[in-house]
Amino acid sequence: MTTHKGFTTNILHADRLDKPEHGALHKPIHTSVTYGYEDVQDLVDIFQNKKKGYAYSRQGNPTVSALENKITIMENGLGTIAFSTGMAAISATVMTLIKKGDHILASSYLFGNTRSVFQTFIELGLDITFVDATDIENVKNGITPNTKMVFVETIANPATQIADLAGIGELCEQKGIIYMVDNTMTSPYLFQPVKVKASLIINSLTKYIGGHGNALGGSVTDTGLYNWENYPNIFEGFKKQVKPSVLGLTQIRKKGLRDSGGTLSPEAAHSLAIGAETLALRLERACSNALKLAGFFEAHPFIKKVYYPGVEGHAQHERAKNLFLKFGGLMSIVLADGVDCFAFLNRLKLVVKSSNLGDTRTLAIPVAHTIFNELGPEKRAEMGIPESMIRLSVGIEDIEDLLADFDNAFA
């Protein structure tokens, strides 16, 4: 497929250049679960990975494939596998690549649901250690002879800590460790983890890539940088069927997507693919709004602290400036002592009280009482989450209206 220089140009024309039926500009929604062949050998070859095609929609569908192609282009990767949600992508990938006795090193600031599923994996017998990944020394000290994977996020949710992404990439390359980076909070428009030598990239497509809060989805992209040929947990049968570069993708699709069943529906894939076309435009506006809001909050007497990589007082501000195109739309604020968190939120009229992220609308949620409630006060304190923290996903509204809404709520 022909690719052009522009990020948005490539996404807009990806379907058309793949020549869908009747001159359509978008890949149509294929709802068929089963696929028939005149020659049974064609079906056999697809099952045995000798030929590309579709056998059963739990592990592949033409509409989903078109979305996967767009994500691969955005992430400058080798290939992508889409899932029903971002959590399905994480769970299936870990389950298919890691075995009992292996060790995973993960950021201690992981998103609550990711932390929760990792805790479940620990209870099932996996060895997982959490470290402050903002400092490379903590990561170096956490590596063991059995470490098979390092898992971090680009910007932590909700307190916006930023791991030493480049340093960890160098370390994992030296030691032959899978480097898995969750790019959800930046999206491939603001950052491409392949540039810091990531092996696998996770995206919750529900968030910025889809962008409109109307479809769930997730994905894992192989950057092509990891040598799967010598990875001990690859199923032997696959080594006889596919070239070494796609062993990881084959295993994740066959042993992860197919066996776990976290299949993305063609209807959702179509919505996400359409939403992806305006990713750059939406993020430009959201990032601009977020930076202006951060300045407003920093000067406000009712705000104790602002967590946003774009403010100069942020611990990883310089790192964010060097790594990311812009500082993102995720922000958290801590209210001053005596300010009632619930009363303040209820006074907001434009901002939506909601748990999603990356929507076109600005969303707010009290963190300790909702998405991190299950962790308890000790874990929340360890992760830097105060009880009066409010997480904001900044949208694309007119900034004057957002500022007025917060101003009125504080008044």
Protein backbone atom coordinates (compact mmCIF):
# COMPACT_ATOMS: atom_id res chain seq x y z
CA MET A 1 0.00 0.00 0.00
CA THR A 2 1.17 3.53 -0.81
CA THR A 3 1.88 5.71 2.21
CA HIS A 4 2.22 9.47 2.33
CA LYS A 5 4.00 11.81 4.71
CA GLY A 6 0.99 13.11 6.59
CA PHE A 7 -0.43 11.28 9.62
CA THR A 8 -4.05 12.15 8.82
CA THR A 9 -3.67 11.64 5.05
CA ASN A 10 -2.61 8.03 5.60
CA ILE A 11 -5.55 7.24 7.88
CA LEU A 12 -8.11 8.97 5.64
CA HIS A 13 -7.10 7.05 2.52
CA ALA A 14 -6.15 3.67 4.01
CA ASP A 15 -9.47 2.00 3.17
CA ARG A 16 -9.75 3.52 -0.31
CA LEU A 17 -6.26 2.45 -1.35
CA ASP A 18 -7.11 -1.11 -0.32
CA LYS A 19 -9.82 -0.93 -3.04
CA PRO A 20 -13.06 -1.91 -1.25
CA GLU A 21 -16.10 -2.98 -3.26
CA HIS A 22 -17.93 -0.60 -5.63
CA GLY A 23 -15.45 2.26 -5.18
CA ALA A 24 -16.49 2.80 -1.53
CA LEU A 25 -14.22 5.08 0.47
CA HIS A 26 -14.67 3.02 3.64
CA LYS A 27 -14.36 -0.70 4.16
CA PRO A 28 -17.96 -1.94 4.52
CA ILE A 29 -19.27 -3.72 7.61
CA HIS A 30 -18.91 -7.47 7.04
CA THR A 31 -21.21 -9.26 9.46
CA SER A 32 -20.56 -12.83 8.30
CA VAL A 33 -19.26 -15.17 11.00
CA THR A 34 -18.36 -17.98 8.60
CA TYR A 35 -16.51 -18.01 5.27
CA GLY A 36 -16.96 -20.64 2.57
CA TYR A 37 -14.48 -21.86 -0.08
CA GLU A 38 -14.96 -23.80 -3.30
CA ASP A 39 -11.70 -25.67 -2.77
CA VAL A 40 -11.28 -27.15 0.71
CA GLN A 41 -7.50 -26.79 0.33
CA ASP A 42 -7.94 -23.00 0.58
CA LEU A 43 -9.70 -23.43 3.93
CA VAL A 44 -7.00 -25.82 5.15
CA ASP A 45 -4.23 -23.43 4.08
CA ILE A 46 -5.87 -20.58 6.04
CA PHE A 47 -6.11 -22.75 9.16
CA GLN A 48 -2.45 -23.76 8.80
CA ASN A 49 -1.25 -20.15 8.28
CA LYS A 50 -0.08 -20.89 4.73
CA LYS A 51 -2.47 -18.41 3.15
CA LYS A 52 -4.14 -15.18 4.23
CA GLY A 53 -7.91 -15.29 4.54
CA TYR A 54 -10.82 -15.74 6.91
CA ALA A 55 -12.07 -18.98 8.45
CA TYR A 56 -14.12 -17.89 11.46
CA SER A 57 -14.77 -14.35 12.68
CA ARG A 58 -13.66 -14.92 16.25
CA GLN A 59 -10.08 -14.47 15.04
CA GLY A 60 -10.47 -12.36 11.93
CA ASN A 61 -12.96 -10.28 9.93
CA PRO A 62 -12.46 -8.02 6.86
CA THR A 63 -13.87 -4.91 8.60
CA VAL A 64 -11.69 -5.52 11.66
CA SER A 65 -8.67 -6.14 9.41
CA ALA A 66 -9.17 -2.71 7.82
CA LEU A 67 -9.08 -1.10 11.27
CA GLU A 68 -5.99 -3.13 12.20
CA ASN A 69 -4.30 -1.85 9.05
CA LYS A 70 -5.00 1.76 10.05
CA ILE A 71 -3.55 1.25 13.53
CA THR A 72 -0.44 -0.41 12.08
CA ILE A 73 0.06 2.63 9.81
CA MET A 74 -0.45 5.04 12.73
CA GLU A 75 2.00 3.17 14.97
CA ASN A 76 4.52 2.56 12.17
CA GLY A 77 4.42 -1.11 13.11
CA LEU A 78 4.65 -4.57 11.56
CA GLY A 79 1.08 -5.65 12.27
CA THR A 80 -1.86 -5.20 14.65
CA ILE A 81 -4.49 -7.41 16.27
CA ALA A 82 -7.74 -5.80 17.43
CA PHE A 83 -9.74 -6.90 20.48
CA SER A 84 -13.11 -6.10 22.01
CA THR A 85 -11.49 -3.77 24.59
CA GLY A 86 -8.07 -2.56 25.64
CA MET A 87 -8.23 -4.79 28.71
CA ALA A 88 -8.90 -7.81 26.47
CA ALA A 89 -5.81 -6.91 24.45
CA ILE A 90 -3.64 -6.69 27.58
CA SER A 91 -5.03 -9.85 29.19
CA ALA A 92 -4.81 -12.02 26.08
CA THR A 93 -1.30 -10.85 25.19
CA VAL A 94 0.08 -11.51 28.66
CA MET A 95 -1.66 -14.89 28.92
CA THR A 96 -0.31 -16.09 25.59
CA LEU A 97 3.30 -14.91 25.99
CA ILE A 98 3.99 -15.47 29.71
CA LYS A 99 4.14 -18.79 31.55
CA LYS A 100 4.35 -19.77 35.19
CA GLY A 101 7.91 -19.18 36.38
CA ASP A 102 8.32 -16.12 34.16
CA HIS A 103 8.61 -12.65 35.65
CA ILE A 104 6.94 -9.39 34.57
CA LEU A 105 8.21 -6.01 35.73
CA ALA A 106 5.47 -3.37 35.65
CA SER A 107 5.05 0.30 36.49
CA SER A 108 3.63 0.88 39.96
CA TYR A 109 1.40 3.61 38.50
CA LEU A 110 -0.66 1.38 36.21
CA PHE A 111 -4.29 2.16 35.38
CA GLY A 112 -6.60 0.63 38.01
CA ASN A 113 -8.08 -2.12 35.82
CA THR A 114 -4.65 -3.12 34.50
CA ARG A 115 -3.35 -3.27 38.05
CA SER A 116 -6.40 -5.37 38.97
CA VAL A 117 -5.91 -7.95 36.22
CA PHE A 118 -2.18 -8.13 37.02
CA GLN A 119 -3.15 -8.88 40.62
CA THR A 120 -5.36 -11.69 39.30
CA PHE A 121 -2.39 -13.04 37.32
CA ILE A 122 -0.32 -12.98 40.52
CA GLU A 123 -3.01 -15.03 42.26
CA LEU A 124 -2.86 -17.50 39.36
CA GLY A 125 0.88 -17.97 39.85
CA LEU A 126 2.61 -15.36 37.67
CA ASP A 127 5.50 -13.44 39.20
CA ILE A 128 4.85 -9.69 38.77
CA THR A 129 6.77 -6.89 40.45
CA PHE A 130 5.72 -3.22 40.48
CA VAL A 131 8.36 -0.47 40.48
CA ASP A 132 8.48 3.29 40.03
CA ALA A 133 9.36 3.26 36.33
CA THR A 134 10.01 7.01 36.18
CA ASP A 135 13.55 6.14 37.38
CA ILE A 136 15.53 3.70 35.21
CA GLU A 137 17.53 2.53 38.24
CA ASN A 138 14.37 1.04 39.75
CA VAL A 139 13.77 -0.88 36.54
CA LYS A 140 17.37 -2.11 36.37
CA ASN A 141 17.20 -3.29 39.98
CA GLY A 142 13.88 -5.05 39.35
CA ILE A 143 15.09 -7.18 36.44
CA THR A 144 15.64 -10.87 37.29
CA PRO A 145 17.02 -13.78 35.21
CA ASN A 146 13.38 -14.83 34.60
CA THR A 147 12.10 -11.41 33.48
CA LYS A 148 10.33 -11.89 30.15
CA MET A 149 8.39 -8.61 29.92
CA VAL A 150 8.46 -4.99 31.09
CA PHE A 151 5.07 -3.26 30.97
CA VAL A 152 4.63 0.51 31.24
CA GLU A 153 2.24 3.25 30.15
CA THR A 154 3.25 6.45 28.36
CA ILE A 155 1.36 8.75 30.74
CA ALA A 156 -0.01 7.21 33.94
CA ASN A 157 -3.69 7.58 34.71
CA PRO A 158 -4.62 9.57 36.81
CA ALA A 159 -1.49 11.23 38.29
CA THR A 160 0.31 11.62 34.90
CA GLN A 161 3.68 10.13 35.89
CA ILE A 162 5.84 9.43 32.82
CA ALA A 163 8.12 6.40 32.77
CA ASP A 164 11.68 6.63 31.47
CA LEU A 165 10.41 5.27 28.17
CA ALA A 166 13.65 5.65 26.22
CA GLY A 167 15.88 4.31 28.99
CA ILE A 168 13.69 1.26 29.52
CA GLY A 169 13.69 0.59 25.78
CA GLU A 170 17.49 0.54 25.68
CA LEU A 171 17.59 -1.77 28.71
CA CYS A 172 15.05 -4.23 27.29
CA GLU A 173 16.88 -4.33 23.94
CA GLN A 174 20.16 -5.16 25.70
CA LYS A 175 18.61 -7.95 27.73
CA GLY A 176 16.25 -9.40 25.10
CA ILE A 177 13.13 -8.61 27.15
CA ILE A 178 9.71 -7.91 25.62
CA TYR A 179 8.97 -4.20 26.08
CA MET A 180 5.21 -3.61 26.18
CA VAL A 181 4.03 0.02 26.14
CA ASP A 182 0.43 1.13 26.64
CA ASN A 183 0.09 4.17 24.35
CA THR A 184 -3.57 4.93 25.19
CA MET A 185 -3.04 8.24 26.97
CA THR A 186 -0.87 9.70 24.22
CA SER A 187 -2.19 7.84 21.14
CA PRO A 188 0.02 7.32 18.08
CA TYR A 189 -0.53 10.94 17.06
CA LEU A 190 1.34 12.34 20.05
CA PHE A 191 3.85 9.49 20.41
CA GLN A 192 5.00 6.34 18.62
CA PRO A 193 6.53 3.85 21.11
CA VAL A 194 8.52 2.23 18.28
CA LYS A 195 10.82 5.26 18.63
CA VAL A 196 11.83 4.09 22.13
CA LYS A 197 12.29 0.48 20.97
CA ALA A 198 8.97 -0.92 22.22
CA SER A 199 8.25 -4.50 21.20
CA LEU A 200 4.47 -4.38 21.58
CA ILE A 201 2.12 -1.39 21.76
CA ILE A 202 -1.27 -1.46 23.47
CA ASN A 203 -4.04 0.99 22.58
CA SER A 204 -7.48 1.24 24.10
CA LEU A 205 -9.27 2.19 20.88
CA THR A 206 -12.25 3.28 22.96
CA LYS A 207 -10.31 6.37 24.01
CA TYR A 208 -8.60 8.86 21.67
CA ILE A 209 -8.46 6.71 18.53
CA GLY A 210 -12.23 6.14 18.43
CA GLY A 211 -12.74 9.39 20.24
CA HIS A 212 -16.51 9.70 20.42
CA GLY A 213 -17.51 7.39 23.28
CA ASN A 214 -19.62 5.20 20.99
CA ALA A 215 -17.58 1.99 20.60
CA LEU A 216 -15.35 -0.22 22.73
CA GLY A 217 -12.14 -1.66 21.32
CA GLY A 218 -8.48 -2.43 21.96
CA SER A 219 -5.40 -3.42 20.03
CA VAL A 220 -1.86 -4.76 20.26
CA THR A 221 0.69 -3.75 17.62
CA ASP A 222 3.96 -5.58 16.98
CA THR A 223 6.65 -3.04 16.07
CA GLY A 224 8.84 -5.64 14.39
CA LEU A 225 11.76 -4.89 16.72
CA TYR A 226 11.61 -8.00 18.91
CA ASN A 227 13.26 -11.24 17.82
CA TRP A 228 10.56 -13.87 18.38
CA GLU A 229 12.61 -16.69 16.83
CA ASN A 230 14.42 -17.42 20.10
CA TYR A 231 11.57 -16.59 22.48
CA PRO A 232 10.99 -19.81 24.48
CA ASN A 233 7.19 -19.52 24.87
CA ILE A 234 6.32 -19.59 21.16
CA PHE A 235 4.23 -22.62 20.16
CA GLU A 236 6.47 -25.00 18.19
CA GLY A 237 3.85 -25.61 15.50
CA PHE A 238 3.84 -21.95 14.50
CA LYS A 239 7.60 -22.00 13.85
CA LYS A 240 6.98 -24.44 10.98
CA GLN A 241 4.15 -22.38 9.48
CA VAL A 242 5.13 -18.69 9.49
CA LYS A 243 8.26 -16.58 9.11
CA PRO A 244 10.04 -15.60 12.34
CA SER A 245 9.03 -11.91 12.18
CA VAL A 246 5.32 -12.73 12.61
CA LEU A 247 5.62 -15.45 15.26
CA GLY A 248 4.55 -13.02 18.00
CA LEU A 249 1.52 -11.79 16.05
CA THR A 250 0.54 -15.34 15.10
CA GLN A 251 0.71 -16.52 18.70
CA ILE A 252 -1.28 -13.53 20.00
CA ARG A 253 -3.98 -14.02 17.34
CA LYS A 254 -4.20 -17.81 17.64
CA LYS A 255 -3.53 -18.39 21.33
CA GLY A 256 -4.72 -15.00 22.57
CA LEU A 257 -7.60 -13.66 20.48
CA ARG A 258 -8.94 -17.00 19.28
CA ASP A 259 -8.68 -18.83 22.61
CA SER A 260 -9.76 -16.00 24.94
CA GLY A 261 -12.58 -14.88 22.64
CA GLY A 262 -12.14 -11.14 23.11
CA THR A 263 -13.32 -10.46 19.56
CA LEU A 264 -14.06 -6.96 18.28
CA SER A 265 -17.39 -6.74 16.44
CA PRO A 266 -17.36 -5.45 12.84
CA GLU A 267 -19.86 -2.73 13.78
CA ALA A 268 -17.56 -1.42 16.52
CA ALA A 269 -14.52 -1.72 14.24
CA HIS A 270 -16.25 0.42 11.63
CA SER A 271 -17.13 3.14 14.19
CA LEU A 272 -13.58 3.15 15.53
CA ALA A 273 -12.08 3.34 12.04
CA ILE A 274 -14.25 6.35 11.18
CA GLY A 275 -13.38 8.04 14.48
CA ALA A 276 -9.66 7.50 13.88
CA GLU A 277 -9.78 9.74 10.81
CA THR A 278 -10.04 12.88 12.98
CA LEU A 279 -7.63 11.79 15.73
CA ALA A 280 -5.06 14.49 14.98
CA LEU A 281 -7.65 17.26 14.70
CA ARG A 282 -9.35 16.30 17.96
CA LEU A 283 -6.11 15.96 19.90
CA GLU A 284 -4.79 19.31 18.70
CA ARG A 285 -7.88 20.97 20.22
CA ALA A 286 -7.96 18.83 23.37
CA CYS A 287 -4.27 19.42 24.10
CA SER A 288 -4.67 23.17 23.57
CA ASN A 289 -7.68 23.23 25.92
CA ALA A 290 -5.85 21.16 28.53
CA LEU A 291 -2.83 23.45 28.59
CA LYS A 292 -5.04 26.52 29.08
CA LEU A 293 -7.07 24.80 31.79
CA ALA A 294 -3.88 23.76 33.58
CA GLY A 295 -2.79 27.40 33.71
CA PHE A 296 -6.21 28.40 35.07
CA PHE A 297 -6.09 25.71 37.77
CA GLU A 298 -2.50 26.49 38.79
CA ALA A 299 -3.52 30.08 39.57
CA HIS A 300 -6.73 29.17 41.40
CA PRO A 301 -6.81 29.34 45.23
CA PHE A 302 -9.20 26.36 45.50
CA ILE A 303 -6.74 24.02 43.76
CA LYS A 304 -3.94 22.48 45.82
CA LYS A 305 -2.14 20.67 42.98
CA VAL A 306 -2.34 20.19 39.21
CA TYR A 307 -1.13 16.96 37.64
CA TYR A 308 -0.43 17.69 33.97
CA PRO A 309 2.82 17.09 32.03
CA GLY A 310 2.49 20.49 30.37
CA VAL A 311 3.07 22.49 33.58
CA GLU A 312 6.69 23.31 34.34
CA GLY A 313 6.43 22.03 37.90
CA HIS A 314 5.58 18.50 36.73
CA ALA A 315 8.35 16.06 37.71
CA GLN A 316 8.68 14.74 34.15
CA HIS A 317 7.85 17.95 32.25
CA GLU A 318 11.15 17.97 30.29
CA ARG A 319 10.80 14.27 29.47
CA ALA A 320 7.30 14.85 28.15
CA LYS A 321 8.48 17.82 26.09
CA ASN A 322 11.24 15.70 24.51
CA LEU A 323 9.12 12.59 23.87
CA PHE A 324 5.63 13.77 22.96
CA LEU A 325 4.28 16.03 20.23
CA LYS A 326 2.01 17.69 22.83
CA PHE A 327 1.17 17.05 26.49
CA GLY A 328 -2.13 15.22 26.06
CA GLY A 329 -5.67 15.70 27.27
CA LEU A 330 -5.44 13.83 30.59
CA MET A 331 -5.23 15.97 33.73
CA SER A 332 -5.93 15.61 37.41
CA ILE A 333 -6.47 18.27 40.06
CA VAL A 334 -6.44 18.07 43.85
CA LEU A 335 -8.88 20.39 45.59
CA ALA A 336 -7.77 22.59 48.46
CA ASP A 337 -8.61 21.49 52.01
CA GLY A 338 -12.21 22.24 52.87
CA VAL A 339 -13.50 22.22 49.29
CA ASP A 340 -16.21 19.55 48.96
CA CYS A 341 -15.29 17.33 46.02
CA PHE A 342 -18.84 16.11 45.30
CA ALA A 343 -20.41 19.54 45.69
CA PHE A 344 -17.86 21.03 43.29
CA LEU A 345 -18.46 18.31 40.67
CA ASN A 346 -22.23 18.65 40.95
CA ARG A 347 -21.97 22.38 40.21
CA LEU A 348 -20.34 21.68 36.83
CA LYS A 349 -23.00 21.99 34.11
CA LEU A 350 -21.01 21.56 30.89
CA VAL A 351 -18.40 19.06 32.07
CA VAL A 352 -19.82 15.52 32.18
CA LYS A 353 -19.42 13.37 35.30
CA SER A 354 -18.24 10.17 33.61
CA SER A 355 -15.59 7.43 33.75
CA ASN A 356 -14.44 7.42 30.12
CA LEU A 357 -11.35 9.08 28.60
CA GLY A 358 -10.54 10.54 25.20
CA ASP A 359 -14.08 11.62 24.39
CA THR A 360 -14.88 14.75 22.40
CA ARG A 361 -16.60 16.04 25.56
CA THR A 362 -14.77 17.02 28.76
CA LEU A 363 -15.29 14.41 31.48
CA ALA A 364 -14.62 14.52 35.23
CA ILE A 365 -14.57 11.82 37.91
CA PRO A 366 -13.57 11.63 41.63
CA VAL A 367 -10.72 9.11 41.42
CA ALA A 368 -10.47 7.62 44.93
CA HIS A 369 -14.20 6.98 45.18
CA THR A 370 -14.59 5.26 41.79
CA ILE A 371 -11.93 3.86 39.44
CA PHE A 372 -9.34 3.35 42.21
CA ASN A 373 -11.75 2.57 45.04
CA GLU A 374 -11.01 -1.18 45.06
CA LEU A 375 -7.29 -0.64 45.72
CA GLY A 376 -7.88 0.84 49.17
CA PRO A 377 -6.24 3.91 50.78
CA GLU A 378 -2.76 2.35 51.24
CA LYS A 379 -2.33 1.37 47.57
CA ARG A 380 -3.77 4.70 46.46
CA ALA A 381 -1.25 6.55 48.61
CA GLU A 382 1.55 4.39 47.18
CA MET A 383 0.40 5.34 43.66
CA GLY A 384 0.18 9.06 44.48
CA ILE A 385 -3.62 9.35 44.44
CA PRO A 386 -5.03 11.73 47.10
CA GLU A 387 -8.62 11.36 48.30
CA SER A 388 -9.64 14.74 46.85
CA MET A 389 -8.25 14.10 43.36
CA ILE A 390 -10.48 14.72 40.34
CA ARG A 391 -9.46 13.31 36.98
CA LEU A 392 -10.31 15.29 33.86
CA SER A 393 -10.38 14.09 30.28
CA VAL A 394 -10.31 17.39 28.42
CA GLY A 395 -12.46 17.55 25.31
CA ILE A 396 -12.80 19.81 22.28
CA GLU A 397 -15.37 22.33 23.53
CA ASP A 398 -14.71 26.04 23.09
CA ILE A 399 -12.20 26.93 25.80
CA GLU A 400 -14.17 30.00 26.92
CA ASP A 401 -17.13 27.74 27.78
CA LEU A 402 -14.94 25.30 29.72
CA LEU A 403 -13.27 28.06 31.71
CA ALA A 404 -16.65 29.62 32.51
CA ASP A 405 -18.05 26.26 33.71
CA PHE A 406 -15.16 25.72 36.15
CA ASP A 407 -15.25 29.35 37.24
CA ASN A 408 -18.97 29.11 38.03
CA ALA A 409 -18.52 25.82 39.92
CA PHE A 410 -15.79 27.36 42.12
CA ALA A 411 -17.89 30.47 42.68
